[in-house]
Amino acid sequence: MLENLPLQSLKHKALTIEGYSRAAVQSYWRVPELKIGFDMGGSPWSFMGTQTFLISHAHLDHLAALPVYVARRRMMKMEPPTIYLPAEVVENVERMLQAWQRLDRGRMICDIIPCADEDVYELSREHKLRVFKTKHTVPSVGFIVYDCRRKLKAEYRGLDGNKIRDLRFGGTEVTEEALTPLVCYTGDTSPPGLDAHPDILKAQILITEMTFFRPEHRKEKIHKFGHMHLDDILDRADRFENELIILSHLSTRTHEGQAHQAIQNRVPKELRERIRLWC
């Protein structure tokens, strides 16, 4: 496989998380089994095969590689990709792609979907997408991907199969939709982004940010610039129901070894065992 960018990978149950994230450098993620990716500060060659990307905001370290990705899919004669973007940035992103179309002398075709807080989309028969608002220095959103199944309504459980069949044939709706939050991605955000929807802290896998961790880092300044501190994670320690919590987007002004040590020293064991520092 051609390797052109740093890429880590982690398997959790049926899902694989691939990606890389450092503040002001690049952030890009993919979940191959769900056929989606998050953000595109860089574009590993292997990501080209994933048709749908969800972009949290338009800072360069999260969006700069979009023209590269779109052009590669065209070059390899793949279908145009689908890109979900905060509604406020769509016009400028389209202008960017048009500019690159002239510079590259190749068509930059993709299906851009503007999205906003509380929007819900059907990604496939099995998966739905919910958008929630985050708090950053530019328009930003986060995403929750759900497993979508049909289950028997409570009032019909316990009936035998023939009775349920008769009800169906009679036009009675005996099932209801059951949504299970699988993956949540917040992108860059200050603490309100973690509190924007109850399912953020219930998703099987949570990918969020922890840009700063040192005691001397001033939280009020960190929050002003739309980021989070380790303390913000600790403030919610008893609320995380996630099986796996990926903390990413570490500042390049700090060393990853020190961040690991801070987590080891300060995070309660029950929560620490579910955390993976991604850097």
C-alpha atoms as a PDB file:
ATOM      1  CA  MET A   1       0.000   0.000   0.000  1.00  0.00           C
ATOM      2  CA  LEU A   2       1.238   3.484  -0.863  1.00  0.00           C
ATOM      3  CA  GLU A   3       1.899   5.485   2.312  1.00  0.00           C
ATOM      4  CA  ASN A   4       2.094   9.234   1.888  1.00  0.00           C
ATOM      5  CA  LEU A   5       1.038  10.522   5.328  1.00  0.00           C
ATOM      6  CA  PRO A   6       1.182   9.390   8.975  1.00  0.00           C
ATOM      7  CA  LEU A   7      -1.686   7.081   9.814  1.00  0.00           C
ATOM      8  CA  GLN A   8      -2.621   5.241  12.991  1.00  0.00           C
ATOM      9  CA  SER A   9      -5.217   2.514  13.245  1.00  0.00           C
ATOM     10  CA  LEU A  10      -7.227   1.045  16.108  1.00  0.00           C
ATOM     11  CA  LYS A  11      -9.835  -1.726  16.049  1.00  0.00           C
ATOM     12  CA  HIS A  12     -12.739  -1.586  18.506  1.00  0.00           C
ATOM     13  CA  LYS A  13     -15.237  -4.398  18.170  1.00  0.00           C
ATOM     14  CA  ALA A  14     -16.545  -4.264  14.582  1.00  0.00           C
ATOM     15  CA  LEU A  15     -15.158  -0.811  13.773  1.00  0.00           C
ATOM     16  CA  THR A  16     -11.716   0.384  12.730  1.00  0.00           C
ATOM     17  CA  ILE A  17     -10.608   3.942  13.434  1.00  0.00           C
ATOM     18  CA  GLU A  18      -7.867   5.261  11.158  1.00  0.00           C
ATOM     19  CA  GLY A  19      -6.372   8.717  11.223  1.00  0.00           C
ATOM     20  CA  TYR A  20      -3.991  11.339  12.468  1.00  0.00           C
ATOM     21  CA  SER A  21      -4.508  14.602  14.364  1.00  0.00           C
ATOM     22  CA  ARG A  22      -2.190  17.312  15.692  1.00  0.00           C
ATOM     23  CA  ALA A  23      -3.260  20.919  16.216  1.00  0.00           C
ATOM     24  CA  ALA A  24      -2.258  23.259  13.370  1.00  0.00           C
ATOM     25  CA  VAL A  25      -0.746  20.324  11.448  1.00  0.00           C
ATOM     26  CA  GLN A  26      -3.422  17.996  10.048  1.00  0.00           C
ATOM     27  CA  SER A  27      -6.532  16.132  11.136  1.00  0.00           C
ATOM     28  CA  TYR A  28      -8.075  13.348   9.083  1.00  0.00           C
ATOM     29  CA  TRP A  29     -10.033  10.264  10.105  1.00  0.00           C
ATOM     30  CA  ARG A  30     -11.782   7.301   8.531  1.00  0.00           C
ATOM     31  CA  VAL A  31     -14.033   4.447   9.655  1.00  0.00           C
ATOM     32  CA  PRO A  32     -13.849   1.993   6.730  1.00  0.00           C
ATOM     33  CA  GLU A  33     -16.704  -0.237   7.903  1.00  0.00           C
ATOM     34  CA  LEU A  34     -19.087   2.740   7.916  1.00  0.00           C
ATOM     35  CA  LYS A  35     -17.737   4.008   4.575  1.00  0.00           C
ATOM     36  CA  ILE A  36     -17.193   7.502   5.978  1.00  0.00           C
ATOM     37  CA  GLY A  37     -14.386   9.802   7.022  1.00  0.00           C
ATOM     38  CA  PHE A  38     -14.099  12.929   9.154  1.00  0.00           C
ATOM     39  CA  ASP A  39     -12.174  16.054   8.161  1.00  0.00           C
ATOM     40  CA  MET A  40      -9.514  16.346   5.498  1.00  0.00           C
ATOM     41  CA  GLY A  41      -6.496  18.279   6.659  1.00  0.00           C
ATOM     42  CA  GLY A  42      -4.543  15.587   4.837  1.00  0.00           C
ATOM     43  CA  SER A  43      -5.523  12.840   2.429  1.00  0.00           C
ATOM     44  CA  PRO A  44      -3.789   9.473   2.796  1.00  0.00           C
ATOM     45  CA  TRP A  45      -3.815   7.594  -0.486  1.00  0.00           C
ATOM     46  CA  SER A  46      -5.994   4.846   0.984  1.00  0.00           C
ATOM     47  CA  PHE A  47      -8.705   7.356   1.960  1.00  0.00           C
ATOM     48  CA  MET A  48      -9.427   7.902  -1.720  1.00  0.00           C
ATOM     49  CA  GLY A  49     -11.645   4.796  -1.706  1.00  0.00           C
ATOM     50  CA  THR A  50     -14.037   6.268   0.875  1.00  0.00           C
ATOM     51  CA  GLN A  51     -16.799   8.237  -0.859  1.00  0.00           C
ATOM     52  CA  THR A  52     -18.323  10.222   2.025  1.00  0.00           C
ATOM     53  CA  PHE A  53     -16.517  12.726   4.249  1.00  0.00           C
ATOM     54  CA  LEU A  54     -17.950  14.806   7.070  1.00  0.00           C
ATOM     55  CA  ILE A  55     -16.124  18.096   7.591  1.00  0.00           C
ATOM     56  CA  SER A  56     -16.379  19.759  11.000  1.00  0.00           C
ATOM     57  CA  HIS A  57     -15.041  23.196  10.042  1.00  0.00           C
ATOM     58  CA  ALA A  58     -12.970  25.005   7.451  1.00  0.00           C
ATOM     59  CA  HIS A  59      -9.626  25.593   9.156  1.00  0.00           C
ATOM     60  CA  LEU A  60      -6.765  24.550   6.903  1.00  0.00           C
ATOM     61  CA  ASP A  61      -5.584  21.714   9.124  1.00  0.00           C
ATOM     62  CA  HIS A  62      -9.030  20.131   8.715  1.00  0.00           C
ATOM     63  CA  LEU A  63      -9.900  20.971   5.090  1.00  0.00           C
ATOM     64  CA  ALA A  64      -6.803  21.774   3.018  1.00  0.00           C
ATOM     65  CA  ALA A  65      -6.618  18.383   1.283  1.00  0.00           C
ATOM     66  CA  LEU A  66     -10.178  18.406  -0.053  1.00  0.00           C
ATOM     67  CA  PRO A  67      -9.125  19.415  -3.612  1.00  0.00           C
ATOM     68  CA  VAL A  68      -6.466  16.682  -3.609  1.00  0.00           C
ATOM     69  CA  TYR A  69      -9.016  14.044  -2.591  1.00  0.00           C
ATOM     70  CA  VAL A  70     -11.623  15.179  -5.133  1.00  0.00           C
ATOM     71  CA  ALA A  71      -9.032  15.286  -7.938  1.00  0.00           C
ATOM     72  CA  ARG A  72      -7.677  11.826  -7.085  1.00  0.00           C
ATOM     73  CA  ARG A  73     -11.099  10.245  -7.270  1.00  0.00           C
ATOM     74  CA  ARG A  74     -11.639  11.852 -10.654  1.00  0.00           C
ATOM     75  CA  MET A  75      -8.218  10.684 -11.857  1.00  0.00           C
ATOM     76  CA  MET A  76      -9.003   7.110 -10.753  1.00  0.00           C
ATOM     77  CA  LYS A  77     -12.406   7.280 -12.487  1.00  0.00           C
ATOM     78  CA  MET A  78     -14.342   6.924  -9.237  1.00  0.00           C
ATOM     79  CA  GLU A  79     -17.752   8.407  -8.511  1.00  0.00           C
ATOM     80  CA  PRO A  80     -17.722  12.021  -7.258  1.00  0.00           C
ATOM     81  CA  PRO A  81     -17.564  12.062  -3.457  1.00  0.00           C
ATOM     82  CA  THR A  82     -20.195  13.367  -1.054  1.00  0.00           C
ATOM     83  CA  ILE A  83     -18.994  16.064   1.327  1.00  0.00           C
ATOM     84  CA  TYR A  84     -20.976  17.274   4.349  1.00  0.00           C
ATOM     85  CA  LEU A  85     -20.013  20.805   5.395  1.00  0.00           C
ATOM     86  CA  PRO A  86     -21.234  23.472   7.817  1.00  0.00           C
ATOM     87  CA  ALA A  87     -23.785  25.427   5.780  1.00  0.00           C
ATOM     88  CA  GLU A  88     -22.019  28.749   6.417  1.00  0.00           C
ATOM     89  CA  VAL A  89     -18.833  27.694   4.579  1.00  0.00           C
ATOM     90  CA  VAL A  90     -20.315  25.985   1.526  1.00  0.00           C
ATOM     91  CA  GLU A  91     -20.152  28.997  -0.792  1.00  0.00           C
ATOM     92  CA  ASN A  92     -16.475  29.650  -0.063  1.00  0.00           C
ATOM     93  CA  VAL A  93     -15.554  25.969  -0.364  1.00  0.00           C
ATOM     94  CA  GLU A  94     -17.245  25.857  -3.762  1.00  0.00           C
ATOM     95  CA  ARG A  95     -15.224  28.914  -4.804  1.00  0.00           C
ATOM     96  CA  MET A  96     -12.043  27.214  -3.589  1.00  0.00           C
ATOM     97  CA  LEU A  97     -12.790  24.138  -5.683  1.00  0.00           C
ATOM     98  CA  GLN A  98     -13.561  26.303  -8.701  1.00  0.00           C
ATOM     99  CA  ALA A  99     -10.213  28.068  -8.281  1.00  0.00           C
ATOM    100  CA  TRP A 100      -8.387  24.748  -8.089  1.00  0.00           C
ATOM    101  CA  GLN A 101     -10.325  23.560 -11.111  1.00  0.00           C
ATOM    102  CA  ARG A 102      -8.804  26.423 -13.103  1.00  0.00           C
ATOM    103  CA  LEU A 103      -5.329  25.922 -11.622  1.00  0.00           C
ATOM    104  CA  ASP A 104      -5.306  22.147 -12.032  1.00  0.00           C
ATOM    105  CA  ARG A 105      -7.161  22.215 -15.365  1.00  0.00           C
ATOM    106  CA  GLY A 106      -9.310  19.336 -14.207  1.00  0.00           C
ATOM    107  CA  ARG A 107     -12.893  19.208 -13.026  1.00  0.00           C
ATOM    108  CA  MET A 108     -13.495  19.236  -9.255  1.00  0.00           C
ATOM    109  CA  ILE A 109     -16.828  17.487  -9.015  1.00  0.00           C
ATOM    110  CA  CYS A 110     -18.364  16.544  -5.682  1.00  0.00           C
ATOM    111  CA  ASP A 111     -21.776  16.529  -4.053  1.00  0.00           C
ATOM    112  CA  ILE A 112     -21.672  19.130  -1.268  1.00  0.00           C
ATOM    113  CA  ILE A 113     -24.343  18.890   1.417  1.00  0.00           C
ATOM    114  CA  PRO A 114     -24.795  21.929   3.692  1.00  0.00           C
ATOM    115  CA  CYS A 115     -25.569  20.853   7.238  1.00  0.00           C
ATOM    116  CA  ALA A 116     -26.590  22.551  10.456  1.00  0.00           C
ATOM    117  CA  ASP A 117     -27.490  21.819  14.057  1.00  0.00           C
ATOM    118  CA  GLU A 118     -30.087  19.031  14.487  1.00  0.00           C
ATOM    119  CA  ASP A 119     -30.027  17.977  10.819  1.00  0.00           C
ATOM    120  CA  VAL A 120     -30.511  14.225  10.331  1.00  0.00           C
ATOM    121  CA  TYR A 121     -29.458  12.339   7.181  1.00  0.00           C
ATOM    122  CA  GLU A 122     -29.741   8.761   5.987  1.00  0.00           C
ATOM    123  CA  LEU A 123     -26.275   7.521   5.104  1.00  0.00           C
ATOM    124  CA  SER A 124     -27.520   4.047   4.183  1.00  0.00           C
ATOM    125  CA  ARG A 125     -30.272   1.635   5.132  1.00  0.00           C
ATOM    126  CA  GLU A 126     -28.309   0.738   8.258  1.00  0.00           C
ATOM    127  CA  HIS A 127     -26.869   4.101   9.288  1.00  0.00           C
ATOM    128  CA  LYS A 128     -28.112   7.603  10.032  1.00  0.00           C
ATOM    129  CA  LEU A 129     -26.220  10.807  10.677  1.00  0.00           C
ATOM    130  CA  ARG A 130     -27.067  13.520  13.196  1.00  0.00           C
ATOM    131  CA  VAL A 131     -25.399  16.932  13.111  1.00  0.00           C
ATOM    132  CA  PHE A 132     -24.864  19.008  16.240  1.00  0.00           C
ATOM    133  CA  LYS A 133     -23.445  22.461  16.816  1.00  0.00           C
ATOM    134  CA  THR A 134     -19.995  22.845  18.349  1.00  0.00           C
ATOM    135  CA  LYS A 135     -18.203  25.968  19.560  1.00  0.00           C
ATOM    136  CA  HIS A 136     -15.069  27.030  17.724  1.00  0.00           C
ATOM    137  CA  THR A 137     -13.661  30.247  16.274  1.00  0.00           C
ATOM    138  CA  VAL A 138     -15.283  29.578  12.880  1.00  0.00           C
ATOM    139  CA  PRO A 139     -18.613  27.911  11.979  1.00  0.00           C
ATOM    140  CA  SER A 140     -18.351  24.320  13.169  1.00  0.00           C
ATOM    141  CA  VAL A 141     -20.389  21.167  13.669  1.00  0.00           C
ATOM    142  CA  GLY A 142     -19.965  17.675  15.048  1.00  0.00           C
ATOM    143  CA  PHE A 143     -21.437  14.385  13.878  1.00  0.00           C
ATOM    144  CA  ILE A 144     -23.037  11.292  15.430  1.00  0.00           C
ATOM    145  CA  VAL A 145     -23.378   8.162  13.290  1.00  0.00           C
ATOM    146  CA  TYR A 146     -26.091   5.718  14.354  1.00  0.00           C
ATOM    147  CA  ASP A 147     -26.767   2.090  13.685  1.00  0.00           C
ATOM    148  CA  CYS A 148     -30.373   1.996  12.497  1.00  0.00           C
ATOM    149  CA  ARG A 149     -32.483  -1.117  13.000  1.00  0.00           C
ATOM    150  CA  ARG A 150     -36.157  -2.059  13.277  1.00  0.00           C
ATOM    151  CA  LYS A 151     -37.323  -3.728  16.465  1.00  0.00           C
ATOM    152  CA  LEU A 152     -40.642  -5.082  17.659  1.00  0.00           C
ATOM    153  CA  LYS A 153     -42.674  -2.555  19.604  1.00  0.00           C
ATOM    154  CA  ALA A 154     -42.875  -3.271  23.316  1.00  0.00           C
ATOM    155  CA  GLU A 155     -46.596  -3.978  23.250  1.00  0.00           C
ATOM    156  CA  TYR A 156     -46.156  -6.816  20.754  1.00  0.00           C
ATOM    157  CA  ARG A 157     -43.244  -8.589  22.388  1.00  0.00           C
ATOM    158  CA  GLY A 158     -44.351 -11.910  23.737  1.00  0.00           C
ATOM    159  CA  LEU A 159     -46.919 -12.520  20.969  1.00  0.00           C
ATOM    160  CA  ASP A 160     -46.365 -15.589  18.857  1.00  0.00           C
ATOM    161  CA  GLY A 161     -45.158 -15.270  15.292  1.00  0.00           C
ATOM    162  CA  ASN A 162     -48.524 -16.027  13.705  1.00  0.00           C
ATOM    163  CA  LYS A 163     -50.238 -13.251  15.634  1.00  0.00           C
ATOM    164  CA  ILE A 164     -47.532 -10.745  14.670  1.00  0.00           C
ATOM    165  CA  ARG A 165     -47.842 -11.844  11.047  1.00  0.00           C
ATOM    166  CA  ASP A 166     -51.603 -11.319  11.130  1.00  0.00           C
ATOM    167  CA  LEU A 167     -51.153  -7.848  12.566  1.00  0.00           C
ATOM    168  CA  ARG A 168     -48.720  -6.981   9.793  1.00  0.00           C
ATOM    169  CA  PHE A 169     -51.067  -8.274   7.100  1.00  0.00           C
ATOM    170  CA  GLY A 170     -53.824  -6.217   8.702  1.00  0.00           C
ATOM    171  CA  GLY A 171     -51.816  -3.044   8.251  1.00  0.00           C
ATOM    172  CA  THR A 172     -50.592  -2.633  11.831  1.00  0.00           C
ATOM    173  CA  GLU A 173     -47.080  -1.241  12.215  1.00  0.00           C
ATOM    174  CA  VAL A 174     -45.553  -3.665  14.690  1.00  0.00           C
ATOM    175  CA  THR A 175     -41.948  -2.408  14.609  1.00  0.00           C
ATOM    176  CA  GLU A 176     -40.245   0.853  15.423  1.00  0.00           C
ATOM    177  CA  GLU A 177     -36.906   2.410  14.623  1.00  0.00           C
ATOM    178  CA  ALA A 178     -34.086   1.746  17.096  1.00  0.00           C
ATOM    179  CA  LEU A 179     -31.032   4.017  16.888  1.00  0.00           C
ATOM    180  CA  THR A 180     -27.735   3.099  18.551  1.00  0.00           C
ATOM    181  CA  PRO A 181     -25.008   5.779  18.536  1.00  0.00           C
ATOM    182  CA  LEU A 182     -21.877   4.171  17.132  1.00  0.00           C
ATOM    183  CA  VAL A 183     -19.361   6.948  16.514  1.00  0.00           C
ATOM    184  CA  CYS A 184     -19.333  10.602  17.535  1.00  0.00           C
ATOM    185  CA  TYR A 185     -16.833  13.109  16.136  1.00  0.00           C
ATOM    186  CA  THR A 186     -16.708  16.592  17.635  1.00  0.00           C
ATOM    187  CA  GLY A 187     -13.880  18.152  15.658  1.00  0.00           C
ATOM    188  CA  ASP A 188     -12.357  21.225  17.300  1.00  0.00           C
ATOM    189  CA  THR A 189     -14.555  22.617  20.047  1.00  0.00           C
ATOM    190  CA  SER A 190     -14.646  24.187  23.470  1.00  0.00           C
ATOM    191  CA  PRO A 191     -16.618  22.324  26.185  1.00  0.00           C
ATOM    192  CA  PRO A 192     -20.150  23.227  24.971  1.00  0.00           C
ATOM    193  CA  GLY A 193     -19.515  20.936  21.997  1.00  0.00           C
ATOM    194  CA  LEU A 194     -19.311  17.937  24.335  1.00  0.00           C
ATOM    195  CA  ASP A 195     -22.626  18.880  25.931  1.00  0.00           C
ATOM    196  CA  ALA A 196     -24.571  19.639  22.736  1.00  0.00           C
ATOM    197  CA  HIS A 197     -26.472  16.322  22.579  1.00  0.00           C
ATOM    198  CA  PRO A 198     -26.926  13.444  25.077  1.00  0.00           C
ATOM    199  CA  ASP A 199     -25.720  10.832  22.586  1.00  0.00           C
ATOM    200  CA  ILE A 200     -22.250  12.402  22.340  1.00  0.00           C
ATOM    201  CA  LEU A 201     -21.291  10.806  25.648  1.00  0.00           C
ATOM    202  CA  LYS A 202     -23.218   7.604  24.857  1.00  0.00           C
ATOM    203  CA  ALA A 203     -21.705   6.729  21.478  1.00  0.00           C
ATOM    204  CA  GLN A 204     -19.735   3.503  21.400  1.00  0.00           C
ATOM    205  CA  ILE A 205     -16.702   5.483  20.173  1.00  0.00           C
ATOM    206  CA  LEU A 206     -16.110   9.162  20.882  1.00  0.00           C
ATOM    207  CA  ILE A 207     -13.443  11.040  18.923  1.00  0.00           C
ATOM    208  CA  THR A 208     -12.878  14.442  20.459  1.00  0.00           C
ATOM    209  CA  GLU A 209     -10.128  16.897  21.183  1.00  0.00           C
ATOM    210  CA  MET A 210      -7.796  17.617  24.080  1.00  0.00           C
ATOM    211  CA  THR A 211      -5.482  20.274  22.694  1.00  0.00           C
ATOM    212  CA  PHE A 212      -4.011  21.292  26.064  1.00  0.00           C
ATOM    213  CA  PHE A 213      -3.322  19.541  29.370  1.00  0.00           C
ATOM    214  CA  ARG A 214      -0.768  21.419  31.457  1.00  0.00           C
ATOM    215  CA  PRO A 215      -1.918  23.118  34.690  1.00  0.00           C
ATOM    216  CA  GLU A 216      -0.401  26.429  33.551  1.00  0.00           C
ATOM    217  CA  HIS A 217      -2.506  26.443  30.381  1.00  0.00           C
ATOM    218  CA  ARG A 218      -5.276  28.961  31.070  1.00  0.00           C
ATOM    219  CA  LYS A 219      -8.674  27.427  30.394  1.00  0.00           C
ATOM    220  CA  GLU A 220     -10.430  30.724  29.740  1.00  0.00           C
ATOM    221  CA  LYS A 221      -7.991  31.457  26.896  1.00  0.00           C
ATOM    222  CA  ILE A 222      -8.208  27.880  25.603  1.00  0.00           C
ATOM    223  CA  HIS A 223     -12.004  28.043  25.542  1.00  0.00           C
ATOM    224  CA  LYS A 224     -11.946  31.458  23.847  1.00  0.00           C
ATOM    225  CA  PHE A 225     -10.089  29.915  20.932  1.00  0.00           C
ATOM    226  CA  GLY A 226     -12.469  26.974  20.711  1.00  0.00           C
ATOM    227  CA  HIS A 227     -10.435  24.183  22.290  1.00  0.00           C
ATOM    228  CA  MET A 228     -10.410  21.959  25.361  1.00  0.00           C
ATOM    229  CA  HIS A 229      -8.127  21.150  28.283  1.00  0.00           C
ATOM    230  CA  LEU A 230      -7.708  17.870  30.153  1.00  0.00           C
ATOM    231  CA  ASP A 231      -9.642  19.521  32.977  1.00  0.00           C
ATOM    232  CA  ASP A 232     -12.709  19.697  30.719  1.00  0.00           C
ATOM    233  CA  ILE A 233     -12.566  15.922  30.345  1.00  0.00           C
ATOM    234  CA  LEU A 234     -12.162  15.471  34.092  1.00  0.00           C
ATOM    235  CA  ASP A 235     -15.140  17.745  34.763  1.00  0.00           C
ATOM    236  CA  ARG A 236     -17.299  15.178  32.936  1.00  0.00           C
ATOM    237  CA  ALA A 237     -15.527  12.056  34.201  1.00  0.00           C
ATOM    238  CA  ASP A 238     -18.656  10.438  35.619  1.00  0.00           C
ATOM    239  CA  ARG A 239     -20.778  11.214  32.544  1.00  0.00           C
ATOM    240  CA  PHE A 240     -18.848   9.385  29.824  1.00  0.00           C
ATOM    241  CA  GLU A 241     -20.675   6.202  28.844  1.00  0.00           C
ATOM    242  CA  ASN A 242     -18.487   5.661  25.773  1.00  0.00           C
ATOM    243  CA  GLU A 243     -16.614   2.371  25.435  1.00  0.00           C
ATOM    244  CA  LEU A 244     -13.680   4.101  23.711  1.00  0.00           C
ATOM    245  CA  ILE A 245     -12.708   7.779  24.040  1.00  0.00           C
ATOM    246  CA  ILE A 246     -10.104   9.035  21.596  1.00  0.00           C
ATOM    247  CA  LEU A 247      -8.452  12.285  22.704  1.00  0.00           C
ATOM    248  CA  SER A 248      -6.714  14.012  19.829  1.00  0.00           C
ATOM    249  CA  HIS A 249      -5.507  17.322  18.375  1.00  0.00           C
ATOM    250  CA  LEU A 250      -2.676  17.736  20.890  1.00  0.00           C
ATOM    251  CA  SER A 251      -0.859  21.074  20.641  1.00  0.00           C
ATOM    252  CA  THR A 252       2.514  20.913  18.899  1.00  0.00           C
ATOM    253  CA  ARG A 253       3.866  23.118  21.714  1.00  0.00           C
ATOM    254  CA  THR A 254       3.628  20.159  24.082  1.00  0.00           C
ATOM    255  CA  HIS A 255       5.174  16.692  24.123  1.00  0.00           C
ATOM    256  CA  GLU A 256       3.022  13.608  23.770  1.00  0.00           C
ATOM    257  CA  GLY A 257       4.920  11.814  26.526  1.00  0.00           C
ATOM    258  CA  GLN A 258       3.942  14.527  28.975  1.00  0.00           C
ATOM    259  CA  ALA A 259       0.320  14.243  27.849  1.00  0.00           C
ATOM    260  CA  HIS A 260       0.370  10.487  28.458  1.00  0.00           C
ATOM    261  CA  GLN A 261       1.810  11.078  31.912  1.00  0.00           C
ATOM    262  CA  ALA A 262      -0.841  13.695  32.734  1.00  0.00           C
ATOM    263  CA  ILE A 263      -3.591  11.247  31.810  1.00  0.00           C
ATOM    264  CA  GLN A 264      -1.946   8.491  33.842  1.00  0.00           C
ATOM    265  CA  ASN A 265      -1.604  10.738  36.904  1.00  0.00           C
ATOM    266  CA  ARG A 266      -4.879  12.637  36.834  1.00  0.00           C
ATOM    267  CA  VAL A 267      -7.599  10.549  35.169  1.00  0.00           C
ATOM    268  CA  PRO A 268      -9.525   8.040  37.329  1.00  0.00           C
ATOM    269  CA  LYS A 269      -8.699   4.422  36.460  1.00  0.00           C
ATOM    270  CA  GLU A 270     -12.213   3.520  35.308  1.00  0.00           C
ATOM    271  CA  LEU A 271     -12.160   6.347  32.771  1.00  0.00           C
ATOM    272  CA  ARG A 272      -8.465   6.077  31.914  1.00  0.00           C
ATOM    273  CA  GLU A 273      -8.895   2.486  30.750  1.00  0.00           C
ATOM    274  CA  ARG A 274     -11.283   3.711  28.047  1.00  0.00           C
ATOM    275  CA  ILE A 275      -9.088   6.585  26.824  1.00  0.00           C
ATOM    276  CA  ARG A 276      -6.674   6.470  23.901  1.00  0.00           C
ATOM    277  CA  LEU A 277      -4.453   9.511  23.353  1.00  0.00           C
ATOM    278  CA  TRP A 278      -4.057   9.866  19.591  1.00  0.00           C
ATOM    279  CA  CYS A 279      -0.935  11.758  18.544  1.00  0.00           C
END
